[in-house]
Amino acid sequence: MIVAAGQFAVTPVWQTNARTCVSLMAQAARQQASLLVLPEALLARDDNDPHMSVKSAQRLDEGFLSLLCEESRRNTMTTVLTIHVPSTAGRAVNTLVVLRGGEIIAQYAKLHLYDAFSMQESARVDAGNSLPPLIEVEGMQVGLMTCYDLRFPELALSLALQGAELLVLPAAWVRGPLKEMHWATLLAARALDTTCYLVAAGECGNKNIGQSRIVDPQGVTLAAAAEEAQLIFADVTAERVAQTREKLPVLRNRRFAHPQLL
């Protein structure tokens, strides 16, 4: 099946961002993509206000997702992205949503909040407390992760042990010394840890690197974007996963217990 990752620079205006998402969805559908991954925190972003994403949080039934669901009704493609959903006063949950056929078919509250490199996501965002579900796309099992989750191999491994063959990762990977190297290394590492495909979409504004990638189960980059707005595609197969796991049976050979959520 064909999978896609789309990246763009999120603006402070949610309506503008929704229109960009709708455009990317339409473009991916025209290319016969079965799965589209978009970046993290797409509602709104402002370089001068680090809390804009939380301040602009919307419920799942409000305007932003309503526009995306309307576009989703036009085809059978599965779209993955994250937005901030209000929780308590002044706080929100960084929520990954999966759209198909105009409906939200799955959601996941980000487990690992980005309290690192002088950032503190937990100052305004509540962490999730449940493992993400698997979804099925064209017969392949797909596991859900969000951005900073990439640095924690236990989550990717847990999803693979549940049956995931492909992992998706909406992200807003912050620029900084060595960060691009971390991104590329970790994407390949998680693909190799789990012998899964990995489809990662990165926001590409002034503060984030973009660099969306599609990586195969042997850590090979099949498609990659640079720092500008772009839509990338690759063909993925369950047969490639099975062949890799036959030659490289790391999931069978492991000597440690199944990861457990604290």
Protein backbone atom coordinates (compact mmCIF):
# COMPACT_ATOMS: atom_id res chain seq x y z
CA MET A 1 0.00 0.00 0.00
CA ILE A 2 1.04 3.61 -0.49
CA VAL A 3 1.72 5.69 2.64
CA ALA A 4 2.39 9.41 2.86
CA ALA A 5 3.83 11.95 5.30
CA GLY A 6 3.04 15.63 4.95
CA GLN A 7 4.81 18.56 6.57
CA PHE A 8 4.15 22.29 6.71
CA ALA A 9 4.73 25.32 8.92
CA VAL A 10 1.82 25.71 11.34
CA THR A 11 0.49 29.29 11.65
CA PRO A 12 -1.25 31.04 14.58
CA VAL A 13 -4.60 30.79 12.72
CA TRP A 14 -6.38 27.45 13.07
CA GLN A 15 -8.56 27.97 9.99
CA THR A 16 -5.44 28.42 7.83
CA ASN A 17 -3.90 25.27 9.27
CA ALA A 18 -7.10 23.30 8.71
CA ARG A 19 -7.16 24.35 5.06
CA THR A 20 -3.55 23.22 4.66
CA CYS A 21 -4.37 19.83 6.20
CA VAL A 22 -7.37 19.44 3.90
CA SER A 23 -5.19 20.26 0.90
CA LEU A 24 -2.58 17.67 1.93
CA MET A 25 -5.31 15.09 2.48
CA ALA A 26 -6.71 15.73 -1.00
CA GLN A 27 -3.25 15.53 -2.60
CA ALA A 28 -2.45 12.26 -0.82
CA ALA A 29 -5.79 10.75 -1.80
CA ARG A 30 -5.20 11.66 -5.45
CA GLN A 31 -1.95 9.68 -5.27
CA GLN A 32 -3.91 6.67 -3.97
CA ALA A 33 -2.37 6.81 -0.48
CA SER A 34 -4.04 4.54 2.06
CA LEU A 35 -2.39 6.28 5.04
CA LEU A 36 -1.38 9.92 5.58
CA VAL A 37 0.57 11.10 8.63
CA LEU A 38 0.58 14.83 9.45
CA PRO A 39 2.67 16.62 12.13
CA GLU A 40 2.05 17.20 15.82
CA ALA A 41 0.06 20.09 17.36
CA LEU A 42 -1.55 21.38 14.18
CA LEU A 43 -4.18 23.72 15.60
CA ALA A 44 -1.96 26.79 16.01
CA ARG A 45 1.63 27.74 16.66
CA ASP A 46 3.36 31.08 17.30
CA ASP A 47 7.14 31.54 17.57
CA ASN A 48 6.58 34.32 20.12
CA ASP A 49 4.14 32.37 22.30
CA PRO A 50 5.24 28.86 23.32
CA HIS A 51 1.81 28.18 24.84
CA MET A 52 -0.20 29.01 21.71
CA SER A 53 -0.96 25.33 21.06
CA VAL A 54 -2.59 24.98 24.48
CA LYS A 55 -4.35 28.36 24.36
CA SER A 56 -5.95 27.42 21.03
CA ALA A 57 -7.03 23.92 22.15
CA GLN A 58 -10.34 22.64 20.75
CA ARG A 59 -12.65 19.77 21.58
CA LEU A 60 -12.72 16.91 19.12
CA ASP A 61 -16.15 18.02 17.88
CA GLU A 62 -15.18 21.65 17.20
CA GLY A 63 -14.27 23.48 14.01
CA PHE A 64 -10.77 22.24 13.21
CA LEU A 65 -11.49 18.52 13.18
CA SER A 66 -14.94 19.10 11.69
CA LEU A 67 -13.29 20.50 8.56
CA LEU A 68 -10.85 17.59 8.38
CA CYS A 69 -13.63 15.05 8.92
CA GLU A 70 -15.57 16.62 6.07
CA GLU A 71 -12.60 16.04 3.74
CA SER A 72 -12.10 12.54 5.17
CA ARG A 73 -15.61 11.57 4.04
CA ARG A 74 -14.53 11.88 0.41
CA ASN A 75 -12.42 8.68 0.44
CA THR A 76 -11.25 5.72 2.50
CA MET A 77 -7.78 7.06 3.33
CA THR A 78 -6.68 6.99 6.99
CA THR A 79 -5.25 10.28 8.33
CA VAL A 80 -3.20 10.65 11.53
CA LEU A 81 -2.37 13.92 13.31
CA THR A 82 -2.33 15.48 16.77
CA ILE A 83 -4.12 18.46 18.27
CA HIS A 84 -4.45 19.86 21.77
CA VAL A 85 -7.76 19.11 23.47
CA PRO A 86 -8.83 21.12 26.57
CA SER A 87 -8.63 19.31 29.91
CA THR A 88 -8.77 21.63 32.93
CA ALA A 89 -8.52 25.43 33.03
CA GLY A 90 -5.45 26.56 31.11
CA ARG A 91 -4.36 22.99 30.35
CA ALA A 92 -4.80 20.50 27.53
CA VAL A 93 -4.01 16.97 26.37
CA ASN A 94 -1.78 16.43 23.34
CA THR A 95 -4.11 14.06 21.51
CA LEU A 96 -3.34 11.95 18.47
CA VAL A 97 -6.44 11.32 16.36
CA VAL A 98 -7.03 8.90 13.52
CA LEU A 99 -9.60 9.88 10.89
CA ARG A 100 -11.26 7.60 8.35
CA GLY A 101 -14.51 7.96 6.46
CA GLY A 102 -15.29 11.22 8.23
CA GLU A 103 -15.04 9.71 11.71
CA ILE A 104 -12.48 9.61 14.50
CA ILE A 105 -11.70 5.89 14.65
CA ALA A 106 -8.97 6.04 17.33
CA GLN A 107 -7.24 8.48 19.66
CA TYR A 108 -4.22 8.46 21.94
CA ALA A 109 -3.11 10.88 24.68
CA LYS A 110 0.66 11.43 24.45
CA LEU A 111 2.44 9.46 27.17
CA HIS A 112 5.89 11.05 27.19
CA LEU A 113 5.78 14.83 27.56
CA TYR A 114 8.74 16.83 26.30
CA ASP A 115 10.41 17.94 29.53
CA ALA A 116 13.93 18.09 28.09
CA PHE A 117 16.44 20.46 26.49
CA SER A 118 15.11 23.40 28.58
CA MET A 119 11.51 22.75 27.42
CA GLN A 120 8.69 21.73 29.76
CA GLU A 121 5.62 20.46 27.93
CA SER A 122 4.10 19.30 31.24
CA ALA A 123 3.77 22.93 32.40
CA ARG A 124 0.53 23.19 30.40
CA VAL A 125 -0.14 19.66 29.10
CA ASP A 126 -1.48 16.59 30.90
CA ALA A 127 0.16 13.26 30.09
CA GLY A 128 -1.84 10.26 28.98
CA ASN A 129 -1.95 7.13 31.12
CA SER A 130 -2.91 4.42 28.61
CA LEU A 131 -1.04 2.62 25.87
CA PRO A 132 -2.09 3.58 22.35
CA PRO A 133 -4.28 1.19 20.39
CA LEU A 134 -3.43 -0.57 17.16
CA ILE A 135 -5.44 0.24 14.06
CA GLU A 136 -5.70 -1.70 10.82
CA VAL A 137 -5.02 -0.09 7.46
CA GLU A 138 -5.32 -2.21 4.31
CA GLY A 139 -4.66 -5.34 6.33
CA MET A 140 -1.55 -3.99 8.10
CA GLN A 141 -1.43 -3.40 11.85
CA VAL A 142 -0.44 0.17 12.69
CA GLY A 143 0.85 1.43 16.05
CA LEU A 144 0.49 5.03 17.22
CA MET A 145 3.18 7.25 18.77
CA THR A 146 3.76 11.00 19.13
CA CYS A 147 7.07 12.92 18.83
CA TYR A 148 9.04 12.51 22.13
CA ASP A 149 7.70 8.94 22.39
CA LEU A 150 10.38 8.17 19.79
CA ARG A 151 13.10 8.40 22.46
CA PHE A 152 11.51 5.59 24.51
CA PRO A 153 12.05 2.20 22.84
CA GLU A 154 9.67 0.48 25.27
CA LEU A 155 6.60 2.01 23.61
CA ALA A 156 7.60 1.02 20.09
CA LEU A 157 8.52 -2.46 21.31
CA SER A 158 5.22 -2.82 23.16
CA LEU A 159 3.31 -1.95 19.98
CA ALA A 160 5.37 -4.40 17.90
CA LEU A 161 4.77 -7.18 20.42
CA GLN A 162 1.04 -6.49 20.14
CA GLY A 163 1.33 -7.05 16.39
CA ALA A 164 2.24 -3.69 14.87
CA GLU A 165 3.89 -3.87 11.44
CA LEU A 166 4.05 -0.11 10.90
CA LEU A 167 4.45 2.75 13.39
CA VAL A 168 3.24 6.32 12.82
CA LEU A 169 4.76 9.38 14.46
CA PRO A 170 3.36 12.91 14.17
CA ALA A 171 6.09 15.22 15.49
CA ALA A 172 7.28 18.77 16.05
CA TRP A 173 10.99 18.04 16.56
CA VAL A 174 12.63 21.15 18.01
CA ARG A 175 15.80 22.46 16.37
CA GLY A 176 19.06 22.45 18.32
CA PRO A 177 22.61 21.11 18.45
CA LEU A 178 22.70 17.47 17.29
CA LYS A 179 18.88 17.29 17.18
CA GLU A 180 18.69 16.42 13.47
CA MET A 181 21.16 13.63 14.03
CA HIS A 182 19.09 12.38 16.98
CA TRP A 183 15.96 12.38 14.80
CA ALA A 184 17.49 10.37 11.96
CA THR A 185 19.23 7.96 14.31
CA LEU A 186 16.18 7.31 16.46
CA LEU A 187 13.87 6.73 13.50
CA ALA A 188 16.21 4.09 12.12
CA ALA A 189 16.75 2.59 15.58
CA ARG A 190 13.03 2.22 16.33
CA ALA A 191 12.45 0.63 12.92
CA LEU A 192 15.26 -1.85 13.61
CA ASP A 193 14.21 -2.47 17.24
CA THR A 194 10.75 -3.48 16.12
CA THR A 195 11.30 -4.57 12.49
CA CYS A 196 8.42 -2.23 11.61
CA TYR A 197 8.00 0.46 8.99
CA LEU A 198 8.00 3.94 10.52
CA VAL A 199 6.13 6.90 8.99
CA ALA A 200 7.11 10.16 10.70
CA ALA A 201 5.79 13.63 9.86
CA GLY A 202 7.56 16.71 11.27
CA GLU A 203 6.34 20.31 11.54
CA CYS A 204 8.69 22.60 9.60
CA GLY A 205 8.30 26.10 11.04
CA ASN A 206 11.13 28.28 12.30
CA LYS A 207 11.59 26.27 15.50
CA ASN A 208 11.14 22.72 14.21
CA ILE A 209 13.19 20.71 11.73
CA GLY A 210 10.60 19.15 9.42
CA GLN A 211 12.53 16.26 7.86
CA SER A 212 9.62 13.84 7.59
CA ARG A 213 10.74 10.30 6.79
CA ILE A 214 9.43 6.90 5.82
CA VAL A 215 11.76 4.15 7.05
CA ASP A 216 11.56 0.45 6.27
CA PRO A 217 11.89 -2.46 8.77
CA GLN A 218 15.64 -2.70 8.14
CA GLY A 219 16.23 0.97 8.90
CA VAL A 220 16.47 2.05 5.27
CA THR A 221 15.00 5.49 4.47
CA LEU A 222 12.51 5.06 1.62
CA ALA A 223 11.50 8.73 1.37
CA ALA A 224 12.65 11.90 3.12
CA ALA A 225 11.73 15.58 3.19
CA ALA A 226 14.00 18.52 3.95
CA GLU A 227 13.02 21.67 5.87
CA GLU A 228 10.30 23.05 3.57
CA ALA A 229 6.64 22.10 3.17
CA GLN A 230 6.46 18.79 1.35
CA LEU A 231 4.44 15.60 0.87
CA ILE A 232 6.39 12.35 0.55
CA PHE A 233 5.25 8.86 -0.44
CA ALA A 234 6.46 5.27 -0.26
CA ASP A 235 5.10 1.81 -0.96
CA VAL A 236 4.99 -0.55 2.04
CA THR A 237 4.12 -4.24 2.26
CA ALA A 238 3.42 -6.77 4.97
CA GLU A 239 5.65 -9.17 3.02
CA ARG A 240 8.68 -6.93 3.59
CA VAL A 241 7.97 -6.98 7.34
CA ALA A 242 7.61 -10.76 7.35
CA GLN A 243 10.80 -11.26 5.33
CA THR A 244 12.74 -8.95 7.65
CA ARG A 245 11.45 -10.71 10.76
CA GLU A 246 12.46 -14.07 9.32
CA LYS A 247 16.03 -12.89 8.73
CA LEU A 248 16.23 -10.64 11.81
CA PRO A 249 14.01 -12.21 14.51
CA VAL A 250 14.78 -9.71 17.27
CA LEU A 251 11.22 -9.88 18.61
CA ARG A 252 11.54 -13.65 19.08
CA ASN A 253 15.13 -13.56 20.32
CA ARG A 254 14.65 -11.01 23.09
CA ARG A 255 15.36 -12.13 26.70
CA PHE A 256 13.49 -9.38 28.53
CA ALA A 257 9.86 -9.31 29.66
CA HIS A 258 7.17 -7.36 27.85
CA PRO A 259 7.46 -3.62 28.66
CA GLN A 260 4.96 -2.43 31.28
CA LEU A 261 3.54 1.07 31.67
CA LEU A 262 4.40 2.59 35.06
